[in-house]
Amino acid sequence: MDREKAIAQSLANIDSDFVKALTEPARIEILKLLILHGALDVQTLAEKMPQDRSVISRHLSLMKNAGLLSAQKNGRHMVYSVDGETALKKSEQLVESIRQCSAFGCC
């Protein structure tokens, strides 16, 4: 396999939804709050942030779909927590993709 194909294959393994979930400051703030306080519902998160509840809800949905968060229904509320195992796995995959590209002299 030539250098260009090998790099392209390594880059194809990057989970763009996961990376996208980490690029928005509000989502990083949500992640910090969940790490500090444990599982929280949308209303509690919205009380701690300047964004509207609907915006927080969209961020949570994107983060859950990206594998950063898990959600459980608690009565009428959805409670979110960090999915550490999946987040760690996806982070390791990202690092490995970069490591592979670097081995081919891309950076």
N, C-alpha and C. Protein backbone atom coordinates (compact mmCIF):
# COMPACT_ATOMS: atom_id res chain seq x y z
N MET A 1 0.86 -1.18 0.00
CA MET A 1 0.00 0.00 0.00
C MET A 1 0.91 1.24 0.00
N ASP A 2 0.58 2.18 -0.87
CA ASP A 2 1.41 3.39 -0.92
C ASP A 2 1.06 4.34 0.22
N ARG A 3 1.93 5.32 0.43
CA ARG A 3 1.81 6.26 1.53
C ARG A 3 0.46 6.97 1.55
N GLU A 4 0.04 7.48 0.40
CA GLU A 4 -1.21 8.24 0.32
C GLU A 4 -2.43 7.37 0.70
N LYS A 5 -2.46 6.15 0.22
CA LYS A 5 -3.58 5.26 0.55
C LYS A 5 -3.56 4.89 2.03
N ALA A 6 -2.37 4.67 2.58
CA ALA A 6 -2.26 4.32 3.99
C ALA A 6 -2.75 5.46 4.87
N ILE A 7 -2.37 6.68 4.52
CA ILE A 7 -2.82 7.85 5.29
C ILE A 7 -4.33 8.01 5.16
N ALA A 8 -4.85 7.87 3.94
CA ALA A 8 -6.29 7.99 3.71
C ALA A 8 -7.05 6.94 4.52
N GLN A 9 -6.52 5.74 4.60
CA GLN A 9 -7.18 4.68 5.37
C GLN A 9 -7.17 5.02 6.87
N SER A 10 -6.06 5.56 7.36
CA SER A 10 -5.99 5.96 8.77
C SER A 10 -6.98 7.07 9.06
N LEU A 11 -7.07 8.03 8.17
CA LEU A 11 -7.98 9.15 8.36
C LEU A 11 -9.44 8.71 8.28
N ALA A 12 -9.71 7.69 7.51
CA ALA A 12 -11.09 7.19 7.38
C ALA A 12 -11.60 6.62 8.70
N ASN A 13 -10.68 6.25 9.58
CA ASN A 13 -11.07 5.67 10.88
C ASN A 13 -11.45 6.73 11.90
N ILE A 14 -11.27 8.00 11.57
CA ILE A 14 -11.62 9.06 12.51
C ILE A 14 -13.14 9.23 12.54
N ASP A 15 -13.70 9.20 13.72
CA ASP A 15 -15.14 9.36 13.91
C ASP A 15 -15.46 10.86 13.93
N SER A 16 -15.95 11.37 12.81
CA SER A 16 -16.17 12.82 12.69
C SER A 16 -17.26 13.32 13.65
N ASP A 17 -18.25 12.50 13.96
CA ASP A 17 -19.28 12.91 14.92
C ASP A 17 -18.68 13.11 16.31
N PHE A 18 -17.76 12.23 16.68
CA PHE A 18 -17.10 12.34 17.98
C PHE A 18 -16.26 13.62 18.04
N VAL A 19 -15.49 13.87 16.99
CA VAL A 19 -14.66 15.07 16.94
C VAL A 19 -15.54 16.32 16.95
N LYS A 20 -16.61 16.30 16.17
CA LYS A 20 -17.53 17.44 16.12
C LYS A 20 -18.12 17.73 17.50
N ALA A 21 -18.44 16.67 18.24
CA ALA A 21 -19.02 16.85 19.57
C ALA A 21 -18.06 17.55 20.52
N LEU A 22 -16.78 17.47 20.25
CA LEU A 22 -15.77 18.08 21.12
C LEU A 22 -15.32 19.46 20.66
N THR A 23 -15.88 19.96 19.56
CA THR A 23 -15.40 21.23 19.02
C THR A 23 -16.23 22.44 19.43
N GLU A 24 -17.31 22.24 20.12
CA GLU A 24 -18.19 23.33 20.52
C GLU A 24 -17.97 23.64 22.00
N PRO A 25 -17.61 24.88 22.34
CA PRO A 25 -17.36 25.23 23.75
C PRO A 25 -18.52 24.90 24.68
N ALA A 26 -19.75 25.08 24.24
CA ALA A 26 -20.90 24.76 25.10
C ALA A 26 -20.95 23.27 25.42
N ARG A 27 -20.59 22.43 24.47
CA ARG A 27 -20.59 20.99 24.71
C ARG A 27 -19.46 20.59 25.67
N ILE A 28 -18.34 21.27 25.56
CA ILE A 28 -17.25 21.02 26.51
C ILE A 28 -17.69 21.42 27.91
N GLU A 29 -18.42 22.51 28.02
CA GLU A 29 -18.93 22.95 29.32
C GLU A 29 -19.92 21.93 29.89
N ILE A 30 -20.78 21.39 29.04
CA ILE A 30 -21.71 20.34 29.46
C ILE A 30 -20.92 19.13 29.97
N LEU A 31 -19.91 18.74 29.22
CA LEU A 31 -19.08 17.61 29.61
C LEU A 31 -18.44 17.85 30.98
N LYS A 32 -17.93 19.05 31.18
CA LYS A 32 -17.32 19.40 32.48
C LYS A 32 -18.34 19.31 33.61
N LEU A 33 -19.53 19.85 33.37
CA LEU A 33 -20.57 19.81 34.41
C LEU A 33 -20.95 18.38 34.76
N LEU A 34 -21.07 17.53 33.76
CA LEU A 34 -21.43 16.14 34.01
C LEU A 34 -20.31 15.39 34.73
N ILE A 35 -19.08 15.72 34.42
CA ILE A 35 -17.95 15.09 35.11
C ILE A 35 -17.92 15.54 36.57
N LEU A 36 -18.13 16.85 36.80
CA LEU A 36 -18.08 17.39 38.16
C LEU A 36 -19.26 16.97 39.03
N HIS A 37 -20.47 16.95 38.45
CA HIS A 37 -21.68 16.74 39.24
C HIS A 37 -22.32 15.37 39.05
N GLY A 38 -21.83 14.59 38.13
CA GLY A 38 -22.46 13.30 37.85
C GLY A 38 -23.67 13.48 36.95
N ALA A 39 -24.53 12.50 36.89
CA ALA A 39 -25.69 12.50 36.01
C ALA A 39 -26.62 13.67 36.32
N LEU A 40 -27.06 14.35 35.26
CA LEU A 40 -27.96 15.50 35.40
C LEU A 40 -29.02 15.47 34.31
N ASP A 41 -30.18 16.06 34.60
CA ASP A 41 -31.22 16.18 33.58
C ASP A 41 -31.05 17.50 32.83
N VAL A 42 -31.81 17.66 31.77
CA VAL A 42 -31.70 18.84 30.91
C VAL A 42 -31.98 20.12 31.70
N GLN A 43 -33.01 20.11 32.51
CA GLN A 43 -33.38 21.31 33.27
C GLN A 43 -32.24 21.75 34.20
N THR A 44 -31.64 20.82 34.90
CA THR A 44 -30.55 21.15 35.81
C THR A 44 -29.35 21.71 35.04
N LEU A 45 -29.04 21.10 33.91
CA LEU A 45 -27.95 21.63 33.08
C LEU A 45 -28.27 23.03 32.59
N ALA A 46 -29.50 23.24 32.15
CA ALA A 46 -29.91 24.55 31.63
C ALA A 46 -29.81 25.63 32.71
N GLU A 47 -30.05 25.27 33.94
CA GLU A 47 -29.94 26.24 35.05
C GLU A 47 -28.50 26.66 35.29
N LYS A 48 -27.55 25.83 34.89
CA LYS A 48 -26.14 26.09 35.12
C LYS A 48 -25.44 26.72 33.92
N MET A 49 -26.20 26.91 32.82
CA MET A 49 -25.59 27.42 31.59
C MET A 49 -26.41 28.58 31.04
N PRO A 50 -25.78 29.42 30.21
CA PRO A 50 -26.50 30.57 29.66
C PRO A 50 -27.44 30.23 28.49
N GLN A 51 -27.29 29.05 27.89
CA GLN A 51 -28.11 28.68 26.74
C GLN A 51 -29.51 28.24 27.18
N ASP A 52 -30.45 28.37 26.26
CA ASP A 52 -31.81 27.89 26.50
C ASP A 52 -31.83 26.37 26.62
N ARG A 53 -32.86 25.90 27.29
CA ARG A 53 -33.03 24.47 27.48
C ARG A 53 -33.06 23.71 26.15
N SER A 54 -33.71 24.27 25.14
CA SER A 54 -33.80 23.58 23.84
C SER A 54 -32.41 23.45 23.20
N VAL A 55 -31.58 24.44 23.37
CA VAL A 55 -30.22 24.39 22.82
C VAL A 55 -29.41 23.33 23.56
N ILE A 56 -29.53 23.31 24.88
CA ILE A 56 -28.84 22.31 25.70
C ILE A 56 -29.30 20.91 25.28
N SER A 57 -30.58 20.75 25.06
CA SER A 57 -31.13 19.46 24.65
C SER A 57 -30.54 18.99 23.32
N ARG A 58 -30.39 19.90 22.37
CA ARG A 58 -29.79 19.55 21.07
C ARG A 58 -28.33 19.14 21.25
N HIS A 59 -27.60 19.88 22.09
CA HIS A 59 -26.21 19.53 22.37
C HIS A 59 -26.12 18.13 22.98
N LEU A 60 -26.99 17.85 23.93
CA LEU A 60 -26.98 16.54 24.59
C LEU A 60 -27.27 15.41 23.60
N SER A 61 -28.21 15.64 22.72
CA SER A 61 -28.55 14.64 21.71
C SER A 61 -27.34 14.35 20.81
N LEU A 62 -26.69 15.40 20.35
CA LEU A 62 -25.52 15.24 19.49
C LEU A 62 -24.41 14.49 20.24
N MET A 63 -24.20 14.85 21.50
CA MET A 63 -23.15 14.22 22.30
C MET A 63 -23.46 12.75 22.58
N LYS A 64 -24.74 12.44 22.79
CA LYS A 64 -25.14 11.06 23.01
C LYS A 64 -24.92 10.24 21.73
N ASN A 65 -25.32 10.79 20.60
CA ASN A 65 -25.14 10.09 19.32
C ASN A 65 -23.67 9.90 18.99
N ALA A 66 -22.81 10.79 19.47
CA ALA A 66 -21.38 10.68 19.21
C ALA A 66 -20.68 9.71 20.16
N GLY A 67 -21.40 9.23 21.18
CA GLY A 67 -20.82 8.28 22.11
C GLY A 67 -20.19 8.89 23.34
N LEU A 68 -20.35 10.19 23.53
CA LEU A 68 -19.79 10.84 24.73
C LEU A 68 -20.68 10.64 25.96
N LEU A 69 -21.97 10.55 25.74
CA LEU A 69 -22.92 10.49 26.84
C LEU A 69 -23.83 9.27 26.73
N SER A 70 -24.36 8.89 27.86
CA SER A 70 -25.45 7.92 27.88
C SER A 70 -26.64 8.61 28.53
N ALA A 71 -27.82 8.08 28.30
CA ALA A 71 -29.04 8.70 28.84
C ALA A 71 -29.96 7.61 29.38
N GLN A 72 -30.60 7.94 30.49
CA GLN A 72 -31.59 7.04 31.07
C GLN A 72 -32.82 7.84 31.45
N LYS A 73 -33.96 7.24 31.21
CA LYS A 73 -35.22 7.89 31.56
C LYS A 73 -35.46 7.72 33.05
N ASN A 74 -35.76 8.83 33.71
CA ASN A 74 -36.07 8.82 35.14
C ASN A 74 -37.40 9.54 35.30
N GLY A 75 -38.48 8.79 35.30
CA GLY A 75 -39.81 9.40 35.32
C GLY A 75 -40.05 10.11 33.99
N ARG A 76 -40.35 11.40 34.06
CA ARG A 76 -40.57 12.18 32.85
C ARG A 76 -39.30 12.83 32.33
N HIS A 77 -38.20 12.65 33.05
CA HIS A 77 -36.96 13.32 32.70
C HIS A 77 -35.94 12.35 32.12
N MET A 78 -35.12 12.89 31.21
CA MET A 78 -34.00 12.15 30.67
C MET A 78 -32.77 12.62 31.43
N VAL A 79 -32.03 11.68 32.00
CA VAL A 79 -30.85 12.00 32.79
C VAL A 79 -29.62 11.56 32.00
N TYR A 80 -28.66 12.48 31.85
CA TYR A 80 -27.47 12.25 31.05
C TYR A 80 -26.24 12.09 31.93
N SER A 81 -25.35 11.22 31.50
CA SER A 81 -24.08 11.04 32.18
C SER A 81 -23.00 10.76 31.14
N VAL A 82 -21.76 10.95 31.53
CA VAL A 82 -20.64 10.70 30.63
C VAL A 82 -20.49 9.20 30.44
N ASP A 83 -20.37 8.78 29.19
CA ASP A 83 -20.11 7.38 28.86
C ASP A 83 -18.60 7.24 28.74
N GLY A 84 -17.95 7.10 29.88
CA GLY A 84 -16.50 7.09 29.94
C GLY A 84 -15.85 6.01 29.09
N GLU A 85 -16.42 4.83 29.10
CA GLU A 85 -15.83 3.71 28.35
C GLU A 85 -15.83 4.00 26.85
N THR A 86 -16.96 4.44 26.31
CA THR A 86 -17.04 4.72 24.88
C THR A 86 -16.20 5.94 24.52
N ALA A 87 -16.25 6.99 25.34
CA ALA A 87 -15.47 8.19 25.07
C ALA A 87 -13.98 7.87 25.06
N LEU A 88 -13.53 7.05 25.98
CA LEU A 88 -12.13 6.67 26.03
C LEU A 88 -11.75 5.85 24.80
N LYS A 89 -12.60 4.91 24.42
CA LYS A 89 -12.33 4.08 23.23
C LYS A 89 -12.22 4.95 21.98
N LYS A 90 -13.15 5.88 21.81
CA LYS A 90 -13.13 6.74 20.62
C LYS A 90 -11.93 7.70 20.65
N SER A 91 -11.55 8.15 21.84
CA SER A 91 -10.36 9.00 21.96
C SER A 91 -9.11 8.23 21.58
N GLU A 92 -9.02 7.00 22.03
CA GLU A 92 -7.88 6.16 21.69
C GLU A 92 -7.82 5.88 20.19
N GLN A 93 -8.97 5.68 19.56
CA GLN A 93 -9.00 5.46 18.12
C GLN A 93 -8.52 6.70 17.37
N LEU A 94 -8.91 7.88 17.85
CA LEU A 94 -8.47 9.13 17.23
C LEU A 94 -6.95 9.27 17.34
N VAL A 95 -6.43 9.03 18.53
CA VAL A 95 -4.98 9.12 18.75
C VAL A 95 -4.25 8.10 17.86
N GLU A 96 -4.78 6.90 17.75
CA GLU A 96 -4.15 5.88 16.92
C GLU A 96 -4.14 6.29 15.45
N SER A 97 -5.22 6.89 14.98
CA SER A 97 -5.26 7.37 13.59
C SER A 97 -4.18 8.41 13.35
N ILE A 98 -4.03 9.32 14.27
CA ILE A 98 -3.00 10.36 14.15
C ILE A 98 -1.61 9.72 14.21
N ARG A 99 -1.43 8.75 15.10
CA ARG A 99 -0.15 8.05 15.22
C ARG A 99 0.22 7.34 13.91
N GLN A 100 -0.76 6.70 13.30
CA GLN A 100 -0.51 6.00 12.04
C GLN A 100 -0.12 6.97 10.94
N CYS A 101 -0.85 8.09 10.86
CA CYS A 101 -0.52 9.10 9.85
C CYS A 101 0.89 9.66 10.06
N SER A 102 1.22 9.91 11.31
CA SER A 102 2.53 10.44 11.65
C SER A 102 3.63 9.48 11.26
N ALA A 103 3.37 8.18 11.40
CA ALA A 103 4.37 7.18 11.02
C ALA A 103 4.69 7.21 9.52
N PHE A 104 3.75 7.72 8.74
CA PHE A 104 3.96 7.84 7.30
C PHE A 104 4.56 9.20 6.92
N GLY A 105 4.93 9.97 7.93
CA GLY A 105 5.59 11.24 7.67
C GLY A 105 4.66 12.36 7.24
N CYS A 106 3.40 12.30 7.62
CA CYS A 106 2.45 13.33 7.19
C CYS A 106 2.61 14.61 7.99
N CYS A 107 3.13 14.52 9.21
CA CYS A 107 3.24 15.71 10.05
C CYS A 107 4.43 15.60 11.00
